[in-house]
Amino acid sequence: GGQNWGNRAYFPRHSVDEDSTAVIEAFLAQFYENKLPPKTIIT
């Protein structure tokens, strides 16, 4: 609703040769596995 409801930092486990696009893809898929995504996600 336009209000800031806080933030949290994550440090996903991955190998050094993983591409950043693969890391963010895996993160988003797992992050929203147990919660509903909002209408807008910006990255």
ModelCIF file with pLDDT and N, C-alpha, C, O atoms, coordinates in Angstrom:
data_MODEL
#
_entry.id   MODEL 
#
_entity.id                         1 
_entity.type                       polymer 
_entity.pdbx_number_of_molecules   1 
#
_entity_poly.entity_id                      1 
_entity_poly.type                           'polypeptide(L)' 
_entity_poly.nstd_linkage                   no 
_entity_poly.nstd_monomer                   no 
_entity_poly.pdbx_seq_one_letter_code       GGQNWGNRAYFPRHSVDEDSTAVIEAFLAQFYENKLPPKTIIT 
_entity_poly.pdbx_seq_one_letter_code_can   GGQNWGNRAYFPRHSVDEDSTAVIEAFLAQFYENKLPPKTIIT 
_entity_poly.pdbx_strand_id                 A 
#
loop_
_entity_poly_seq.entity_id 
_entity_poly_seq.num 
_entity_poly_seq.mon_id 
_entity_poly_seq.hetero 
1 1  GLY n 
1 2  GLY n 
1 3  GLN n 
1 4  ASN n 
1 5  TRP n 
1 6  GLY n 
1 7  ASN n 
1 8  ARG n 
1 9  ALA n 
1 10 TYR n 
1 11 PHE n 
1 12 PRO n 
1 13 ARG n 
1 14 HIS n 
1 15 SER n 
1 16 VAL n 
1 17 ASP n 
1 18 GLU n 
1 19 ASP n 
1 20 SER n 
1 21 THR n 
1 22 ALA n 
1 23 VAL n 
1 24 ILE n 
1 25 GLU n 
1 26 ALA n 
1 27 PHE n 
1 28 LEU n 
1 29 ALA n 
1 30 GLN n 
1 31 PHE n 
1 32 TYR n 
1 33 GLU n 
1 34 ASN n 
1 35 LYS n 
1 36 LEU n 
1 37 PRO n 
1 38 PRO n 
1 39 LYS n 
1 40 THR n 
1 41 ILE n 
1 42 ILE n 
1 43 THR n 
#
_struct_asym.id          A 
_struct_asym.entity_id   1 
#
loop_
_ma_qa_metric.id 
_ma_qa_metric.mode 
_ma_qa_metric.name 
_ma_qa_metric.software_group_id 
_ma_qa_metric.type 
1 global pLDDT . pLDDT 
2 local  pLDDT . pLDDT 
#
_ma_qa_metric_global.metric_id      1 
_ma_qa_metric_global.metric_value   90.30 
_ma_qa_metric_global.model_id       1 
_ma_qa_metric_global.ordinal_id     1 
#
loop_
_ma_qa_metric_local.label_asym_id 
_ma_qa_metric_local.label_comp_id 
_ma_qa_metric_local.label_seq_id 
_ma_qa_metric_local.metric_id 
_ma_qa_metric_local.metric_value 
_ma_qa_metric_local.model_id 
_ma_qa_metric_local.ordinal_id 
A GLY 1  2 80.00 1 1  
A GLY 2  2 77.00 1 2  
A GLN 3  2 80.00 1 3  
A ASN 4  2 83.00 1 4  
A TRP 5  2 84.00 1 5  
A GLY 6  2 84.00 1 6  
A ASN 7  2 88.00 1 7  
A ARG 8  2 90.00 1 8  
A ALA 9  2 92.00 1 9  
A TYR 10 2 93.00 1 10 
A PHE 11 2 93.00 1 11 
A PRO 12 2 93.00 1 12 
A ARG 13 2 91.00 1 13 
A HIS 14 2 92.00 1 14 
A SER 15 2 89.00 1 15 
A VAL 16 2 85.00 1 16 
A ASP 17 2 85.00 1 17 
A GLU 18 2 89.00 1 18 
A ASP 19 2 90.00 1 19 
A SER 20 2 93.00 1 20 
A THR 21 2 94.00 1 21 
A ALA 22 2 93.00 1 22 
A VAL 23 2 94.00 1 23 
A ILE 24 2 95.00 1 24 
A GLU 25 2 95.00 1 25 
A ALA 26 2 94.00 1 26 
A PHE 27 2 95.00 1 27 
A LEU 28 2 95.00 1 28 
A ALA 29 2 94.00 1 29 
A GLN 30 2 93.00 1 30 
A PHE 31 2 93.00 1 31 
A TYR 32 2 92.00 1 32 
A GLU 33 2 89.00 1 33 
A ASN 34 2 84.00 1 34 
A LYS 35 2 86.00 1 35 
A LEU 36 2 88.00 1 36 
A PRO 37 2 92.00 1 37 
A PRO 38 2 92.00 1 38 
A LYS 39 2 93.00 1 39 
A THR 40 2 94.00 1 40 
A ILE 41 2 96.00 1 41 
A ILE 42 2 95.00 1 42 
A THR 43 2 96.00 1 43 
#
loop_
_atom_site.group_PDB 
_atom_site.id 
_atom_site.type_symbol 
_atom_site.label_atom_id 
_atom_site.label_alt_id 
_atom_site.label_comp_id 
_atom_site.label_asym_id 
_atom_site.label_entity_id 
_atom_site.label_seq_id 
_atom_site.pdbx_PDB_ins_code 
_atom_site.Cartn_x 
_atom_site.Cartn_y 
_atom_site.Cartn_z 
_atom_site.occupancy 
_atom_site.B_iso_or_equiv 
_atom_site.pdbx_formal_charge 
_atom_site.auth_seq_id 
_atom_site.auth_comp_id 
_atom_site.auth_asym_id 
_atom_site.auth_atom_id 
_atom_site.pdbx_PDB_model_num 
ATOM 1   N N  . GLY A 1 1  ? 0.823  -1.207  0.000   1.00 80.00 ? 1  GLY A N  1 
ATOM 2   C CA . GLY A 1 1  ? 0.000  0.000   0.000   1.00 80.00 ? 1  GLY A CA 1 
ATOM 3   C C  . GLY A 1 1  ? 0.858  1.258   0.000   1.00 80.00 ? 1  GLY A C  1 
ATOM 4   O O  . GLY A 1 1  ? 0.435  2.296   0.510   1.00 80.00 ? 1  GLY A O  1 
ATOM 5   N N  . GLY A 1 2  ? 2.064  1.175   -0.570  1.00 77.00 ? 2  GLY A N  1 
ATOM 6   C CA . GLY A 1 2  ? 2.965  2.317   -0.598  1.00 77.00 ? 2  GLY A CA 1 
ATOM 7   C C  . GLY A 1 2  ? 3.724  2.539   0.688   1.00 77.00 ? 2  GLY A C  1 
ATOM 8   O O  . GLY A 1 2  ? 4.538  3.459   0.760   1.00 77.00 ? 2  GLY A O  1 
ATOM 9   N N  . GLN A 1 3  ? 3.489  1.722   1.719   1.00 80.00 ? 3  GLN A N  1 
ATOM 10  C CA . GLN A 1 3  ? 4.164  1.881   3.004   1.00 80.00 ? 3  GLN A CA 1 
ATOM 11  C C  . GLN A 1 3  ? 5.351  0.924   3.098   1.00 80.00 ? 3  GLN A C  1 
ATOM 12  O O  . GLN A 1 3  ? 5.288  -0.213  2.631   1.00 80.00 ? 3  GLN A O  1 
ATOM 13  N N  . ASN A 1 4  ? 6.417  1.399   3.702   1.00 83.00 ? 4  ASN A N  1 
ATOM 14  C CA . ASN A 1 4  ? 7.606  0.577   3.896   1.00 83.00 ? 4  ASN A CA 1 
ATOM 15  C C  . ASN A 1 4  ? 7.392  -0.326  5.110   1.00 83.00 ? 4  ASN A C  1 
ATOM 16  O O  . ASN A 1 4  ? 7.297  0.160   6.237   1.00 83.00 ? 4  ASN A O  1 
ATOM 17  N N  . TRP A 1 5  ? 7.318  -1.617  4.886   1.00 84.00 ? 5  TRP A N  1 
ATOM 18  C CA . TRP A 1 5  ? 7.102  -2.584  5.967   1.00 84.00 ? 5  TRP A CA 1 
ATOM 19  C C  . TRP A 1 5  ? 8.381  -3.324  6.329   1.00 84.00 ? 5  TRP A C  1 
ATOM 20  O O  . TRP A 1 5  ? 8.328  -4.440  6.846   1.00 84.00 ? 5  TRP A O  1 
ATOM 21  N N  . GLY A 1 6  ? 9.515  -2.719  6.066   1.00 84.00 ? 6  GLY A N  1 
ATOM 22  C CA . GLY A 1 6  ? 10.784 -3.261  6.519   1.00 84.00 ? 6  GLY A CA 1 
ATOM 23  C C  . GLY A 1 6  ? 11.568 -3.974  5.433   1.00 84.00 ? 6  GLY A C  1 
ATOM 24  O O  . GLY A 1 6  ? 11.116 -4.098  4.295   1.00 84.00 ? 6  GLY A O  1 
ATOM 25  N N  . ASN A 1 7  ? 12.749 -4.439  5.806   1.00 88.00 ? 7  ASN A N  1 
ATOM 26  C CA . ASN A 1 7  ? 13.630 -5.115  4.848   1.00 88.00 ? 7  ASN A CA 1 
ATOM 27  C C  . ASN A 1 7  ? 14.442 -6.194  5.549   1.00 88.00 ? 7  ASN A C  1 
ATOM 28  O O  . ASN A 1 7  ? 14.561 -6.204  6.774   1.00 88.00 ? 7  ASN A O  1 
ATOM 29  N N  . ARG A 1 8  ? 14.996 -7.100  4.755   1.00 90.00 ? 8  ARG A N  1 
ATOM 30  C CA . ARG A 1 8  ? 15.800 -8.189  5.292   1.00 90.00 ? 8  ARG A CA 1 
ATOM 31  C C  . ARG A 1 8  ? 16.882 -8.553  4.282   1.00 90.00 ? 8  ARG A C  1 
ATOM 32  O O  . ARG A 1 8  ? 16.655 -8.510  3.073   1.00 90.00 ? 8  ARG A O  1 
ATOM 33  N N  . ALA A 1 9  ? 18.059 -8.912  4.789   1.00 92.00 ? 9  ALA A N  1 
ATOM 34  C CA . ALA A 1 9  ? 19.186 -9.295  3.936   1.00 92.00 ? 9  ALA A CA 1 
ATOM 35  C C  . ALA A 1 9  ? 19.327 -10.811 3.905   1.00 92.00 ? 9  ALA A C  1 
ATOM 36  O O  . ALA A 1 9  ? 19.142 -11.480 4.922   1.00 92.00 ? 9  ALA A O  1 
ATOM 37  N N  . TYR A 1 10 ? 19.656 -11.347 2.738   1.00 93.00 ? 10 TYR A N  1 
ATOM 38  C CA . TYR A 1 10 ? 19.876 -12.787 2.557   1.00 93.00 ? 10 TYR A CA 1 
ATOM 39  C C  . TYR A 1 10 ? 21.241 -13.020 1.920   1.00 93.00 ? 10 TYR A C  1 
ATOM 40  O O  . TYR A 1 10 ? 21.733 -12.201 1.143   1.00 93.00 ? 10 TYR A O  1 
ATOM 41  N N  . PHE A 1 11 ? 21.839 -14.156 2.269   1.00 93.00 ? 11 PHE A N  1 
ATOM 42  C CA . PHE A 1 11 ? 23.141 -14.529 1.722   1.00 93.00 ? 11 PHE A CA 1 
ATOM 43  C C  . PHE A 1 11 ? 23.029 -15.950 1.174   1.00 93.00 ? 11 PHE A C  1 
ATOM 44  O O  . PHE A 1 11 ? 23.443 -16.901 1.838   1.00 93.00 ? 11 PHE A O  1 
ATOM 45  N N  . PRO A 1 12 ? 22.475 -16.104 -0.030  1.00 93.00 ? 12 PRO A N  1 
ATOM 46  C CA . PRO A 1 12 ? 22.260 -17.447 -0.582  1.00 93.00 ? 12 PRO A CA 1 
ATOM 47  C C  . PRO A 1 12 ? 23.571 -18.200 -0.789  1.00 93.00 ? 12 PRO A C  1 
ATOM 48  O O  . PRO A 1 12 ? 24.597 -17.608 -1.122  1.00 93.00 ? 12 PRO A O  1 
ATOM 49  N N  . ARG A 1 13 ? 23.517 -19.506 -0.587  1.00 91.00 ? 13 ARG A N  1 
ATOM 50  C CA . ARG A 1 13 ? 24.686 -20.355 -0.808  1.00 91.00 ? 13 ARG A CA 1 
ATOM 51  C C  . ARG A 1 13 ? 24.795 -20.703 -2.284  1.00 91.00 ? 13 ARG A C  1 
ATOM 52  O O  . ARG A 1 13 ? 23.838 -21.197 -2.878  1.00 91.00 ? 13 ARG A O  1 
ATOM 53  N N  . HIS A 1 14 ? 25.953 -20.448 -2.879  1.00 92.00 ? 14 HIS A N  1 
ATOM 54  C CA . HIS A 1 14 ? 26.166 -20.794 -4.284  1.00 92.00 ? 14 HIS A CA 1 
ATOM 55  C C  . HIS A 1 14 ? 27.659 -20.907 -4.546  1.00 92.00 ? 14 HIS A C  1 
ATOM 56  O O  . HIS A 1 14 ? 28.473 -20.403 -3.773  1.00 92.00 ? 14 HIS A O  1 
ATOM 57  N N  . SER A 1 15 ? 28.007 -21.559 -5.622  1.00 89.00 ? 15 SER A N  1 
ATOM 58  C CA . SER A 1 15 ? 29.412 -21.691 -5.988  1.00 89.00 ? 15 SER A CA 1 
ATOM 59  C C  . SER A 1 15 ? 29.882 -20.399 -6.656  1.00 89.00 ? 15 SER A C  1 
ATOM 60  O O  . SER A 1 15 ? 29.069 -19.605 -7.130  1.00 89.00 ? 15 SER A O  1 
ATOM 61  N N  . VAL A 1 16 ? 31.188 -20.200 -6.688  1.00 85.00 ? 16 VAL A N  1 
ATOM 62  C CA . VAL A 1 16 ? 31.745 -18.957 -7.229  1.00 85.00 ? 16 VAL A CA 1 
ATOM 63  C C  . VAL A 1 16 ? 31.530 -18.844 -8.727  1.00 85.00 ? 16 VAL A C  1 
ATOM 64  O O  . VAL A 1 16 ? 31.583 -17.742 -9.272  1.00 85.00 ? 16 VAL A O  1 
ATOM 65  N N  . ASP A 1 17 ? 31.286 -19.968 -9.410  1.00 85.00 ? 17 ASP A N  1 
ATOM 66  C CA . ASP A 1 17 ? 31.112 -19.896 -10.857 1.00 85.00 ? 17 ASP A CA 1 
ATOM 67  C C  . ASP A 1 17 ? 29.651 -19.706 -11.278 1.00 85.00 ? 17 ASP A C  1 
ATOM 68  O O  . ASP A 1 17 ? 29.357 -19.653 -12.472 1.00 85.00 ? 17 ASP A O  1 
ATOM 69  N N  . GLU A 1 18 ? 28.739 -19.604 -10.316 1.00 89.00 ? 18 GLU A N  1 
ATOM 70  C CA . GLU A 1 18 ? 27.337 -19.367 -10.652 1.00 89.00 ? 18 GLU A CA 1 
ATOM 71  C C  . GLU A 1 18 ? 27.148 -17.941 -11.161 1.00 89.00 ? 18 GLU A C  1 
ATOM 72  O O  . GLU A 1 18 ? 27.670 -16.989 -10.580 1.00 89.00 ? 18 GLU A O  1 
ATOM 73  N N  . ASP A 1 19 ? 26.400 -17.805 -12.248 1.00 90.00 ? 19 ASP A N  1 
ATOM 74  C CA . ASP A 1 19 ? 26.092 -16.497 -12.806 1.00 90.00 ? 19 ASP A CA 1 
ATOM 75  C C  . ASP A 1 19 ? 25.083 -15.768 -11.923 1.00 90.00 ? 19 ASP A C  1 
ATOM 76  O O  . ASP A 1 19 ? 24.217 -16.396 -11.315 1.00 90.00 ? 19 ASP A O  1 
ATOM 77  N N  . SER A 1 20 ? 25.198 -14.430 -11.853 1.00 93.00 ? 20 SER A N  1 
ATOM 78  C CA . SER A 1 20 ? 24.289 -13.634 -11.012 1.00 93.00 ? 20 SER A CA 1 
ATOM 79  C C  . SER A 1 20 ? 22.833 -13.809 -11.422 1.00 93.00 ? 20 SER A C  1 
ATOM 80  O O  . SER A 1 20 ? 21.944 -13.784 -10.571 1.00 93.00 ? 20 SER A O  1 
ATOM 81  N N  . THR A 1 21 ? 22.576 -13.986 -12.730 1.00 94.00 ? 21 THR A N  1 
ATOM 82  C CA . THR A 1 21 ? 21.195 -14.167 -13.186 1.00 94.00 ? 21 THR A CA 1 
ATOM 83  C C  . THR A 1 21 ? 20.619 -15.485 -12.679 1.00 94.00 ? 21 THR A C  1 
ATOM 84  O O  . THR A 1 21 ? 19.429 -15.567 -12.376 1.00 94.00 ? 21 THR A O  1 
ATOM 85  N N  . ALA A 1 22 ? 21.465 -16.521 -12.586 1.00 93.00 ? 22 ALA A N  1 
ATOM 86  C CA . ALA A 1 22 ? 21.007 -17.816 -12.060 1.00 93.00 ? 22 ALA A CA 1 
ATOM 87  C C  . ALA A 1 22 ? 20.756 -17.730 -10.564 1.00 93.00 ? 22 ALA A C  1 
ATOM 88  O O  . ALA A 1 22 ? 19.819 -18.342 -10.051 1.00 93.00 ? 22 ALA A O  1 
ATOM 89  N N  . VAL A 1 23 ? 21.595 -16.966 -9.860  1.00 94.00 ? 23 VAL A N  1 
ATOM 90  C CA . VAL A 1 23 ? 21.432 -16.812 -8.411  1.00 94.00 ? 23 VAL A CA 1 
ATOM 91  C C  . VAL A 1 23 ? 20.119 -16.105 -8.099  1.00 94.00 ? 23 VAL A C  1 
ATOM 92  O O  . VAL A 1 23 ? 19.373 -16.546 -7.224  1.00 94.00 ? 23 VAL A O  1 
ATOM 93  N N  . ILE A 1 24 ? 19.828 -15.014 -8.803  1.00 95.00 ? 24 ILE A N  1 
ATOM 94  C CA . ILE A 1 24 ? 18.594 -14.259 -8.521  1.00 95.00 ? 24 ILE A CA 1 
ATOM 95  C C  . ILE A 1 24 ? 17.364 -15.059 -8.928  1.00 95.00 ? 24 ILE A C  1 
ATOM 96  O O  . ILE A 1 24 ? 16.320 -14.953 -8.282  1.00 95.00 ? 24 ILE A O  1 
ATOM 97  N N  . GLU A 1 25 ? 17.469 -15.860 -9.991  1.00 95.00 ? 25 GLU A N  1 
ATOM 98  C CA . GLU A 1 25 ? 16.347 -16.707 -10.399 1.00 95.00 ? 25 GLU A CA 1 
ATOM 99  C C  . GLU A 1 25 ? 16.036 -17.736 -9.319  1.00 95.00 ? 25 GLU A C  1 
ATOM 100 O O  . GLU A 1 25 ? 14.883 -17.902 -8.920  1.00 95.00 ? 25 GLU A O  1 
ATOM 101 N N  . ALA A 1 26 ? 17.086 -18.430 -8.847  1.00 94.00 ? 26 ALA A N  1 
ATOM 102 C CA . ALA A 1 26 ? 16.881 -19.437 -7.806  1.00 94.00 ? 26 ALA A CA 1 
ATOM 103 C C  . ALA A 1 26 ? 16.365 -18.798 -6.523  1.00 94.00 ? 26 ALA A C  1 
ATOM 104 O O  . ALA A 1 26 ? 15.503 -19.361 -5.849  1.00 94.00 ? 26 ALA A O  1 
ATOM 105 N N  . PHE A 1 27 ? 16.889 -17.626 -6.186  1.00 95.00 ? 27 PHE A N  1 
ATOM 106 C CA . PHE A 1 27 ? 16.456 -16.939 -4.967  1.00 95.00 ? 27 PHE A CA 1 
ATOM 107 C C  . PHE A 1 27 ? 14.969 -16.607 -5.033  1.00 95.00 ? 27 PHE A C  1 
ATOM 108 O O  . PHE A 1 27 ? 14.224 -16.916 -4.104  1.00 95.00 ? 27 PHE A O  1 
ATOM 109 N N  . LEU A 1 28 ? 14.533 -15.978 -6.124  1.00 95.00 ? 28 LEU A N  1 
ATOM 110 C CA . LEU A 1 28 ? 13.132 -15.561 -6.234  1.00 95.00 ? 28 LEU A CA 1 
ATOM 111 C C  . LEU A 1 28 ? 12.193 -16.771 -6.220  1.00 95.00 ? 28 LEU A C  1 
ATOM 112 O O  . LEU A 1 28 ? 11.133 -16.725 -5.595  1.00 95.00 ? 28 LEU A O  1 
ATOM 113 N N  . ALA A 1 29 ? 12.574 -17.847 -6.902  1.00 94.00 ? 29 ALA A N  1 
ATOM 114 C CA . ALA A 1 29 ? 11.724 -19.038 -6.931  1.00 94.00 ? 29 ALA A CA 1 
ATOM 115 C C  . ALA A 1 29 ? 11.564 -19.625 -5.534  1.00 94.00 ? 29 ALA A C  1 
ATOM 116 O O  . ALA A 1 29 ? 10.462 -20.011 -5.143  1.00 94.00 ? 29 ALA A O  1 
ATOM 117 N N  . GLN A 1 30 ? 12.660 -19.696 -4.778  1.00 93.00 ? 30 GLN A N  1 
ATOM 118 C CA . GLN A 1 30 ? 12.593 -20.250 -3.421  1.00 93.00 ? 30 GLN A CA 1 
ATOM 119 C C  . GLN A 1 30 ? 11.967 -19.272 -2.438  1.00 93.00 ? 30 GLN A C  1 
ATOM 120 O O  . GLN A 1 30 ? 11.253 -19.683 -1.523  1.00 93.00 ? 30 GLN A O  1 
ATOM 121 N N  . PHE A 1 31 ? 12.227 -17.981 -2.619  1.00 93.00 ? 31 PHE A N  1 
ATOM 122 C CA . PHE A 1 31 ? 11.713 -16.967 -1.708  1.00 93.00 ? 31 PHE A CA 1 
ATOM 123 C C  . PHE A 1 31 ? 10.184 -16.934 -1.711  1.00 93.00 ? 31 PHE A C  1 
ATOM 124 O O  . PHE A 1 31 ? 9.558  -16.811 -0.658  1.00 93.00 ? 31 PHE A O  1 
ATOM 125 N N  . TYR A 1 32 ? 9.589  -17.046 -2.897  1.00 92.00 ? 32 TYR A N  1 
ATOM 126 C CA . TYR A 1 32 ? 8.134  -16.968 -3.000  1.00 92.00 ? 32 TYR A CA 1 
ATOM 127 C C  . TYR A 1 32 ? 7.466  -18.342 -2.961  1.00 92.00 ? 32 TYR A C  1 
ATOM 128 O O  . TYR A 1 32 ? 6.266  -18.460 -3.213  1.00 92.00 ? 32 TYR A O  1 
ATOM 129 N N  . GLU A 1 33 ? 8.242  -19.378 -2.646  1.00 89.00 ? 33 GLU A N  1 
ATOM 130 C CA . GLU A 1 33 ? 7.665  -20.716 -2.590  1.00 89.00 ? 33 GLU A CA 1 
ATOM 131 C C  . GLU A 1 33 ? 6.616  -20.828 -1.492  1.00 89.00 ? 33 GLU A C  1 
ATOM 132 O O  . GLU A 1 33 ? 5.628  -21.544 -1.656  1.00 89.00 ? 33 GLU A O  1 
ATOM 133 N N  . ASN A 1 34 ? 6.815  -20.129 -0.369  1.00 84.00 ? 34 ASN A N  1 
ATOM 134 C CA . ASN A 1 34 ? 5.879  -20.234 0.757   1.00 84.00 ? 34 ASN A CA 1 
ATOM 135 C C  . ASN A 1 34 ? 5.180  -18.915 1.070   1.00 84.00 ? 34 ASN A C  1 
ATOM 136 O O  . ASN A 1 34 ? 4.649  -18.738 2.167   1.00 84.00 ? 34 ASN A O  1 
ATOM 137 N N  . LYS A 1 35 ? 5.177  -17.992 0.118   1.00 86.00 ? 35 LYS A N  1 
ATOM 138 C CA . LYS A 1 35 ? 4.480  -16.716 0.321   1.00 86.00 ? 35 LYS A CA 1 
ATOM 139 C C  . LYS A 1 35 ? 3.980  -16.179 -1.007  1.00 86.00 ? 35 LYS A C  1 
ATOM 140 O O  . LYS A 1 35 ? 4.569  -16.452 -2.053  1.00 86.00 ? 35 LYS A O  1 
ATOM 141 N N  . LEU A 1 36 ? 2.896  -15.418 -0.968  1.00 88.00 ? 36 LEU A N  1 
ATOM 142 C CA . LEU A 1 36 ? 2.342  -14.866 -2.196  1.00 88.00 ? 36 LEU A CA 1 
ATOM 143 C C  . LEU A 1 36 ? 3.181  -13.683 -2.675  1.00 88.00 ? 36 LEU A C  1 
ATOM 144 O O  . LEU A 1 36 ? 3.473  -12.780 -1.891  1.00 88.00 ? 36 LEU A O  1 
ATOM 145 N N  . PRO A 1 37 ? 3.571  -13.676 -3.941  1.00 92.00 ? 37 PRO A N  1 
ATOM 146 C CA . PRO A 1 37 ? 4.314  -12.524 -4.463  1.00 92.00 ? 37 PRO A CA 1 
ATOM 147 C C  . PRO A 1 37 ? 3.395  -11.328 -4.624  1.00 92.00 ? 37 PRO A C  1 
ATOM 148 O O  . PRO A 1 37 ? 2.202  -11.504 -4.870  1.00 92.00 ? 37 PRO A O  1 
ATOM 149 N N  . PRO A 1 38 ? 3.922  -10.102 -4.491  1.00 92.00 ? 38 PRO A N  1 
ATOM 150 C CA . PRO A 1 38 ? 3.108  -8.909  -4.727  1.00 92.00 ? 38 PRO A CA 1 
ATOM 151 C C  . PRO A 1 38 ? 2.879  -8.704  -6.223  1.00 92.00 ? 38 PRO A C  1 
ATOM 152 O O  . PRO A 1 38 ? 3.384  -9.463  -7.050  1.00 92.00 ? 38 PRO A O  1 
ATOM 153 N N  . LYS A 1 39 ? 2.123  -7.683  -6.552  1.00 93.00 ? 39 LYS A N  1 
ATOM 154 C CA . LYS A 1 39 ? 1.853  -7.422  -7.964  1.00 93.00 ? 39 LYS A CA 1 
ATOM 155 C C  . LYS A 1 39 ? 3.104  -6.989  -8.716  1.00 93.00 ? 39 LYS A C  1 
ATOM 156 O O  . LYS A 1 39 ? 3.236  -7.239  -9.914  1.00 93.00 ? 39 LYS A O  1 
ATOM 157 N N  . THR A 1 40 ? 4.025  -6.337  -8.003  1.00 94.00 ? 40 THR A N  1 
ATOM 158 C CA . THR A 1 40 ? 5.219  -5.807  -8.654  1.00 94.00 ? 40 THR A CA 1 
ATOM 159 C C  . THR A 1 40 ? 6.478  -6.259  -7.921  1.00 94.00 ? 40 THR A C  1 
ATOM 160 O O  . THR A 1 40 ? 6.568  -6.145  -6.699  1.00 94.00 ? 40 THR A O  1 
ATOM 161 N N  . ILE A 1 41 ? 7.443  -6.768  -8.674  1.00 96.00 ? 41 ILE A N  1 
ATOM 162 C CA . ILE A 1 41 ? 8.768  -7.109  -8.153  1.00 96.00 ? 41 ILE A CA 1 
ATOM 163 C C  . ILE A 1 41 ? 9.789  -6.377  -9.010  1.00 96.00 ? 41 ILE A C  1 
ATOM 164 O O  . ILE A 1 41 ? 9.831  -6.574  -10.225 1.00 96.00 ? 41 ILE A O  1 
ATOM 165 N N  . ILE A 1 42 ? 10.612 -5.537  -8.395  1.00 95.00 ? 42 ILE A N  1 
ATOM 166 C CA . ILE A 1 42 ? 11.649 -4.846  -9.160  1.00 95.00 ? 42 ILE A CA 1 
ATOM 167 C C  . ILE A 1 42 ? 13.010 -5.305  -8.667  1.00 95.00 ? 42 ILE A C  1 
ATOM 168 O O  . ILE A 1 42 ? 13.206 -5.518  -7.470  1.00 95.00 ? 42 ILE A O  1 
ATOM 169 N N  . THR A 1 43 ? 13.939 -5.456  -9.585  1.00 96.00 ? 43 THR A N  1 
ATOM 170 C CA . THR A 1 43 ? 15.253 -5.980  -9.251  1.00 96.00 ? 43 THR A CA 1 
ATOM 171 C C  . THR A 1 43 ? 16.321 -5.360  -10.138 1.00 96.00 ? 43 THR A C  1 
ATOM 172 O O  . THR A 1 43 ? 17.501 -5.683  -10.002 1.00 96.00 ? 43 THR A O  1 
#
